[in-house]
N, C-alpha and C. Protein backbone atom coordinates (compact mmCIF):
# COMPACT_ATOMS: atom_id res chain seq x y z
N UNK A 1 -29.85 -13.92 -38.44
CA UNK A 1 -29.16 -14.81 -37.53
C UNK A 1 -27.66 -14.50 -37.51
N UNK A 2 -27.08 -14.53 -36.33
CA UNK A 2 -25.63 -14.36 -36.21
C UNK A 2 -24.95 -15.64 -36.65
N UNK A 3 -23.75 -15.50 -37.14
CA UNK A 3 -22.98 -16.68 -37.54
C UNK A 3 -22.45 -17.37 -36.30
N UNK A 4 -22.14 -18.64 -36.45
CA UNK A 4 -21.63 -19.46 -35.36
C UNK A 4 -20.14 -19.24 -35.20
N UNK A 5 -19.69 -19.15 -33.96
CA UNK A 5 -18.25 -19.08 -33.69
C UNK A 5 -17.72 -20.51 -33.75
N UNK A 6 -16.63 -20.70 -34.47
CA UNK A 6 -16.06 -22.02 -34.70
C UNK A 6 -14.60 -22.04 -34.29
N UNK A 7 -14.25 -23.09 -33.55
CA UNK A 7 -12.84 -23.37 -33.30
C UNK A 7 -12.61 -24.78 -33.83
N UNK A 8 -11.57 -24.96 -34.60
CA UNK A 8 -11.33 -26.21 -35.29
C UNK A 8 -9.93 -26.73 -35.02
N UNK A 9 -9.85 -27.97 -34.53
CA UNK A 9 -8.53 -28.56 -34.27
C UNK A 9 -8.04 -29.42 -35.44
N UNK A 10 -8.79 -29.43 -36.54
CA UNK A 10 -8.36 -30.19 -37.73
C UNK A 10 -7.32 -29.37 -38.48
N UNK A 11 -6.15 -29.26 -37.89
CA UNK A 11 -5.10 -28.39 -38.43
C UNK A 11 -4.51 -28.89 -39.74
N UNK A 12 -4.84 -30.12 -40.12
CA UNK A 12 -4.38 -30.67 -41.39
C UNK A 12 -5.37 -30.35 -42.51
N UNK A 13 -6.40 -29.56 -42.21
CA UNK A 13 -7.39 -29.19 -43.22
C UNK A 13 -6.87 -28.02 -44.04
N UNK A 14 -7.12 -28.06 -45.32
CA UNK A 14 -6.73 -27.01 -46.25
C UNK A 14 -7.25 -25.64 -45.81
N UNK A 15 -8.43 -25.61 -45.18
CA UNK A 15 -9.07 -24.35 -44.80
C UNK A 15 -8.69 -23.87 -43.40
N UNK A 16 -7.93 -24.66 -42.64
CA UNK A 16 -7.59 -24.31 -41.27
C UNK A 16 -6.39 -23.37 -41.22
N UNK A 17 -6.55 -22.29 -40.49
CA UNK A 17 -5.45 -21.33 -40.29
C UNK A 17 -5.48 -20.94 -38.82
N UNK A 18 -4.57 -21.49 -38.05
CA UNK A 18 -4.47 -21.22 -36.62
C UNK A 18 -5.79 -21.50 -35.90
N UNK A 19 -6.38 -22.64 -36.21
CA UNK A 19 -7.62 -23.16 -35.61
C UNK A 19 -8.87 -22.36 -35.98
N UNK A 20 -8.74 -21.51 -37.00
CA UNK A 20 -9.88 -20.79 -37.56
C UNK A 20 -10.10 -21.30 -38.98
N UNK A 21 -11.32 -21.10 -39.48
CA UNK A 21 -11.67 -21.60 -40.81
C UNK A 21 -11.60 -20.49 -41.84
N UNK A 22 -11.00 -20.78 -42.98
CA UNK A 22 -10.90 -19.82 -44.08
C UNK A 22 -12.00 -20.03 -45.12
N UNK A 23 -12.83 -21.05 -44.92
CA UNK A 23 -13.84 -21.36 -45.93
C UNK A 23 -15.04 -20.43 -45.85
N UNK A 24 -15.43 -20.00 -44.66
CA UNK A 24 -16.57 -19.10 -44.51
C UNK A 24 -17.87 -19.81 -44.21
N UNK A 25 -17.98 -21.05 -44.67
CA UNK A 25 -19.15 -21.87 -44.36
C UNK A 25 -18.71 -23.32 -44.34
N UNK A 26 -19.35 -24.12 -43.50
CA UNK A 26 -19.03 -25.54 -43.45
C UNK A 26 -20.31 -26.35 -43.42
N UNK A 27 -20.17 -27.65 -43.72
CA UNK A 27 -21.28 -28.59 -43.67
C UNK A 27 -20.94 -29.67 -42.65
N UNK A 28 -21.79 -29.83 -41.65
CA UNK A 28 -21.64 -30.91 -40.69
C UNK A 28 -22.59 -32.03 -41.10
N UNK A 29 -22.04 -33.22 -41.31
CA UNK A 29 -22.84 -34.40 -41.65
C UNK A 29 -23.09 -35.23 -40.40
N UNK A 30 -24.10 -36.05 -40.46
CA UNK A 30 -24.43 -36.92 -39.33
C UNK A 30 -25.92 -37.14 -39.20
N UNK A 31 -26.57 -37.45 -40.30
CA UNK A 31 -28.02 -37.58 -40.33
C UNK A 31 -28.56 -38.48 -39.22
N UNK A 32 -27.94 -39.62 -39.00
CA UNK A 32 -28.41 -40.54 -37.96
C UNK A 32 -27.61 -40.48 -36.68
N UNK A 33 -26.78 -39.47 -36.52
CA UNK A 33 -25.88 -39.39 -35.36
C UNK A 33 -26.66 -39.32 -34.05
N UNK A 34 -26.14 -40.05 -33.06
CA UNK A 34 -26.69 -39.99 -31.71
C UNK A 34 -25.65 -39.46 -30.73
N UNK A 35 -24.44 -39.21 -31.25
CA UNK A 35 -23.37 -38.63 -30.44
C UNK A 35 -22.39 -37.94 -31.39
N UNK A 36 -21.42 -37.23 -30.81
CA UNK A 36 -20.46 -36.47 -31.62
C UNK A 36 -19.69 -37.36 -32.59
N UNK A 37 -19.39 -38.59 -32.19
CA UNK A 37 -18.62 -39.49 -33.05
C UNK A 37 -19.35 -39.84 -34.33
N UNK A 38 -20.65 -39.63 -34.37
CA UNK A 38 -21.44 -39.91 -35.57
C UNK A 38 -21.51 -38.73 -36.53
N UNK A 39 -20.82 -37.65 -36.20
CA UNK A 39 -20.82 -36.46 -37.05
C UNK A 39 -19.46 -36.28 -37.72
N UNK A 40 -19.40 -35.43 -38.71
CA UNK A 40 -18.12 -35.07 -39.31
C UNK A 40 -18.27 -33.75 -40.05
N UNK A 41 -17.16 -33.08 -40.27
CA UNK A 41 -17.15 -31.87 -41.07
C UNK A 41 -16.94 -32.28 -42.53
N UNK A 42 -18.01 -32.26 -43.30
CA UNK A 42 -17.94 -32.68 -44.70
C UNK A 42 -17.13 -31.70 -45.55
N UNK A 43 -16.86 -30.53 -45.02
CA UNK A 43 -16.08 -29.53 -45.75
C UNK A 43 -14.57 -29.74 -45.62
N UNK A 44 -14.16 -30.68 -44.77
CA UNK A 44 -12.73 -30.96 -44.57
C UNK A 44 -12.08 -31.35 -45.89
N UNK A 45 -10.95 -30.73 -46.17
CA UNK A 45 -10.10 -31.10 -47.32
C UNK A 45 -8.68 -31.19 -46.80
N UNK A 46 -8.05 -32.34 -47.01
CA UNK A 46 -6.70 -32.53 -46.50
C UNK A 46 -5.72 -31.59 -47.18
N UNK A 47 -4.89 -30.96 -46.37
CA UNK A 47 -3.82 -30.11 -46.87
C UNK A 47 -2.70 -31.05 -47.34
N UNK A 48 -2.24 -30.86 -48.54
CA UNK A 48 -1.19 -31.73 -49.09
C UNK A 48 0.05 -30.91 -49.37
N UNK A 49 1.17 -31.36 -48.82
CA UNK A 49 2.44 -30.69 -49.07
C UNK A 49 2.39 -29.23 -48.68
N UNK A 50 2.91 -28.40 -49.55
CA UNK A 50 2.95 -26.97 -49.29
C UNK A 50 1.83 -26.23 -50.02
N UNK A 51 0.72 -26.94 -50.27
CA UNK A 51 -0.38 -26.29 -51.00
C UNK A 51 -0.81 -25.03 -50.28
N UNK A 52 -0.97 -23.98 -51.03
CA UNK A 52 -1.33 -22.68 -50.46
C UNK A 52 -2.80 -22.38 -50.75
N UNK A 53 -3.48 -21.79 -49.80
CA UNK A 53 -4.86 -21.37 -50.00
C UNK A 53 -4.88 -20.14 -50.90
N UNK A 54 -6.02 -19.95 -51.53
CA UNK A 54 -6.23 -18.76 -52.34
C UNK A 54 -6.02 -17.54 -51.44
N UNK A 55 -5.34 -16.55 -51.93
CA UNK A 55 -4.99 -15.37 -51.14
C UNK A 55 -6.22 -14.61 -50.62
N UNK A 56 -7.38 -14.79 -51.24
CA UNK A 56 -8.57 -14.06 -50.78
C UNK A 56 -9.21 -14.72 -49.56
N UNK A 57 -8.83 -15.94 -49.24
CA UNK A 57 -9.40 -16.63 -48.09
C UNK A 57 -8.75 -16.14 -46.82
N UNK A 58 -9.56 -15.67 -45.90
CA UNK A 58 -9.05 -15.15 -44.63
C UNK A 58 -9.64 -15.97 -43.49
N UNK A 59 -8.83 -16.29 -42.47
CA UNK A 59 -9.36 -17.03 -41.33
C UNK A 59 -10.37 -16.19 -40.56
N UNK A 60 -11.43 -16.84 -40.09
CA UNK A 60 -12.47 -16.14 -39.36
C UNK A 60 -13.07 -17.08 -38.33
N UNK A 61 -13.37 -16.58 -37.15
CA UNK A 61 -13.99 -17.38 -36.10
C UNK A 61 -15.47 -17.56 -36.36
N UNK A 62 -16.06 -16.73 -37.21
CA UNK A 62 -17.50 -16.79 -37.47
C UNK A 62 -17.76 -17.43 -38.82
N UNK A 63 -18.54 -18.50 -38.83
CA UNK A 63 -18.85 -19.21 -40.06
C UNK A 63 -20.33 -19.56 -40.10
N UNK A 64 -20.83 -19.76 -41.30
CA UNK A 64 -22.18 -20.25 -41.51
C UNK A 64 -22.09 -21.78 -41.49
N UNK A 65 -22.90 -22.44 -40.66
CA UNK A 65 -22.81 -23.89 -40.50
C UNK A 65 -24.12 -24.55 -40.94
N UNK A 66 -24.07 -25.22 -42.09
CA UNK A 66 -25.17 -26.08 -42.51
C UNK A 66 -24.98 -27.40 -41.78
N UNK A 67 -26.07 -28.03 -41.39
CA UNK A 67 -25.94 -29.22 -40.56
C UNK A 67 -27.00 -30.26 -40.88
N UNK A 68 -26.56 -31.49 -41.07
CA UNK A 68 -27.46 -32.61 -41.31
C UNK A 68 -27.60 -33.50 -40.08
N UNK A 69 -27.05 -33.09 -38.95
CA UNK A 69 -27.18 -33.86 -37.70
C UNK A 69 -28.54 -33.55 -37.09
N UNK A 70 -29.57 -34.19 -37.61
CA UNK A 70 -30.96 -33.91 -37.25
C UNK A 70 -31.27 -34.14 -35.77
N UNK A 71 -30.50 -34.99 -35.12
CA UNK A 71 -30.74 -35.31 -33.71
C UNK A 71 -30.06 -34.35 -32.75
N UNK A 72 -29.44 -33.30 -33.25
CA UNK A 72 -28.74 -32.33 -32.40
C UNK A 72 -29.69 -31.20 -32.02
N UNK A 73 -29.64 -30.77 -30.77
CA UNK A 73 -30.51 -29.69 -30.30
C UNK A 73 -30.21 -28.37 -31.00
N UNK A 74 -29.03 -28.22 -31.55
CA UNK A 74 -28.65 -26.97 -32.20
C UNK A 74 -29.11 -26.88 -33.65
N UNK A 75 -29.59 -27.99 -34.20
CA UNK A 75 -30.01 -28.04 -35.60
C UNK A 75 -31.44 -27.52 -35.73
N UNK A 76 -31.59 -26.49 -36.55
CA UNK A 76 -32.91 -25.95 -36.84
C UNK A 76 -33.01 -25.75 -38.34
N UNK A 77 -33.83 -26.56 -39.00
CA UNK A 77 -33.98 -26.49 -40.45
C UNK A 77 -32.64 -26.60 -41.17
N UNK A 78 -31.81 -27.55 -40.73
CA UNK A 78 -30.50 -27.85 -41.33
C UNK A 78 -29.50 -26.71 -41.20
N UNK A 79 -29.67 -25.85 -40.22
CA UNK A 79 -28.72 -24.79 -39.89
C UNK A 79 -28.36 -24.91 -38.42
N UNK A 80 -27.09 -24.75 -38.11
CA UNK A 80 -26.65 -24.79 -36.72
C UNK A 80 -27.00 -23.46 -36.06
N UNK A 81 -27.69 -23.54 -34.94
CA UNK A 81 -28.10 -22.35 -34.20
C UNK A 81 -27.25 -22.12 -32.95
N UNK A 82 -26.22 -22.95 -32.75
CA UNK A 82 -25.35 -22.80 -31.58
C UNK A 82 -24.54 -21.51 -31.71
N UNK A 83 -24.28 -20.88 -30.58
CA UNK A 83 -23.42 -19.69 -30.58
C UNK A 83 -21.97 -20.07 -30.87
N UNK A 84 -21.60 -21.29 -30.47
CA UNK A 84 -20.21 -21.75 -30.58
C UNK A 84 -20.21 -23.24 -30.90
N UNK A 85 -19.36 -23.68 -31.81
CA UNK A 85 -19.13 -25.11 -32.01
C UNK A 85 -17.63 -25.35 -32.14
N UNK A 86 -17.27 -26.60 -31.90
CA UNK A 86 -15.90 -27.03 -32.08
C UNK A 86 -15.86 -28.22 -33.01
N UNK A 87 -14.89 -28.23 -33.89
CA UNK A 87 -14.64 -29.38 -34.76
C UNK A 87 -13.33 -30.00 -34.30
N UNK A 88 -13.39 -31.30 -33.99
CA UNK A 88 -12.20 -32.03 -33.55
C UNK A 88 -11.69 -32.86 -34.72
N UNK A 89 -10.35 -33.00 -34.78
CA UNK A 89 -9.75 -33.80 -35.84
C UNK A 89 -8.28 -33.49 -36.04
N UNK A 90 -7.53 -33.42 -34.96
CA UNK A 90 -6.13 -33.01 -35.06
C UNK A 90 -5.29 -33.96 -35.92
N UNK A 91 -5.70 -35.20 -36.06
CA UNK A 91 -4.96 -36.15 -36.89
C UNK A 91 -5.72 -36.51 -38.17
N UNK A 92 -6.71 -35.71 -38.52
CA UNK A 92 -7.59 -36.03 -39.65
C UNK A 92 -6.87 -36.04 -40.99
N UNK A 93 -7.23 -37.04 -41.80
CA UNK A 93 -6.76 -37.14 -43.17
C UNK A 93 -7.94 -37.13 -44.14
N UNK A 94 -9.15 -37.32 -43.61
CA UNK A 94 -10.37 -37.28 -44.39
C UNK A 94 -11.50 -36.81 -43.49
N UNK A 95 -12.60 -36.42 -44.08
CA UNK A 95 -13.67 -35.81 -43.29
C UNK A 95 -14.20 -36.75 -42.20
N UNK A 96 -14.18 -38.05 -42.44
CA UNK A 96 -14.66 -39.01 -41.44
C UNK A 96 -13.80 -39.04 -40.18
N UNK A 97 -12.62 -38.43 -40.24
CA UNK A 97 -11.73 -38.36 -39.07
C UNK A 97 -12.03 -37.13 -38.21
N UNK A 98 -13.04 -36.35 -38.58
CA UNK A 98 -13.41 -35.16 -37.82
C UNK A 98 -14.75 -35.40 -37.12
N UNK A 99 -15.09 -34.54 -36.17
CA UNK A 99 -16.40 -34.61 -35.53
C UNK A 99 -16.76 -33.26 -34.93
N UNK A 100 -18.06 -33.02 -34.83
CA UNK A 100 -18.55 -31.81 -34.20
C UNK A 100 -18.69 -32.10 -32.70
N UNK A 101 -17.79 -31.55 -31.91
CA UNK A 101 -17.79 -31.86 -30.47
C UNK A 101 -18.89 -31.10 -29.73
N UNK A 102 -19.59 -30.23 -30.41
CA UNK A 102 -20.70 -29.49 -29.80
C UNK A 102 -22.04 -30.21 -29.96
N UNK A 103 -22.03 -31.36 -30.65
CA UNK A 103 -23.25 -32.13 -30.82
C UNK A 103 -23.88 -32.42 -29.47
N UNK A 104 -25.16 -32.15 -29.36
CA UNK A 104 -25.91 -32.42 -28.13
C UNK A 104 -27.23 -33.05 -28.55
N UNK A 105 -27.43 -34.29 -28.17
CA UNK A 105 -28.60 -35.05 -28.60
C UNK A 105 -29.90 -34.45 -28.05
N UNK A 106 -30.90 -34.38 -28.92
CA UNK A 106 -32.23 -33.89 -28.52
C UNK A 106 -32.84 -34.83 -27.50
């Protein structure tokens, strides 16, 4: 399977670098979600002060996305099968302030 292309507006996340993710994989939560607002990026970690990421972490548009949003058409065996997803959360301070805007109800 190809990895999912991700664009992330949660610029306050420790892993965000110019709207790309440096983590390499993320977890989308939202077991009972019926819309995007019921989801969140559980991998979000608030960037504090001038904290620097580990030098080996590189931003990448392609990430592996584990997903607990069972009601999403893109979820197959807890893996996101979408070609592209977006994570919203420009003012996020915690993972609950983010959401998967690509959520599409089955």
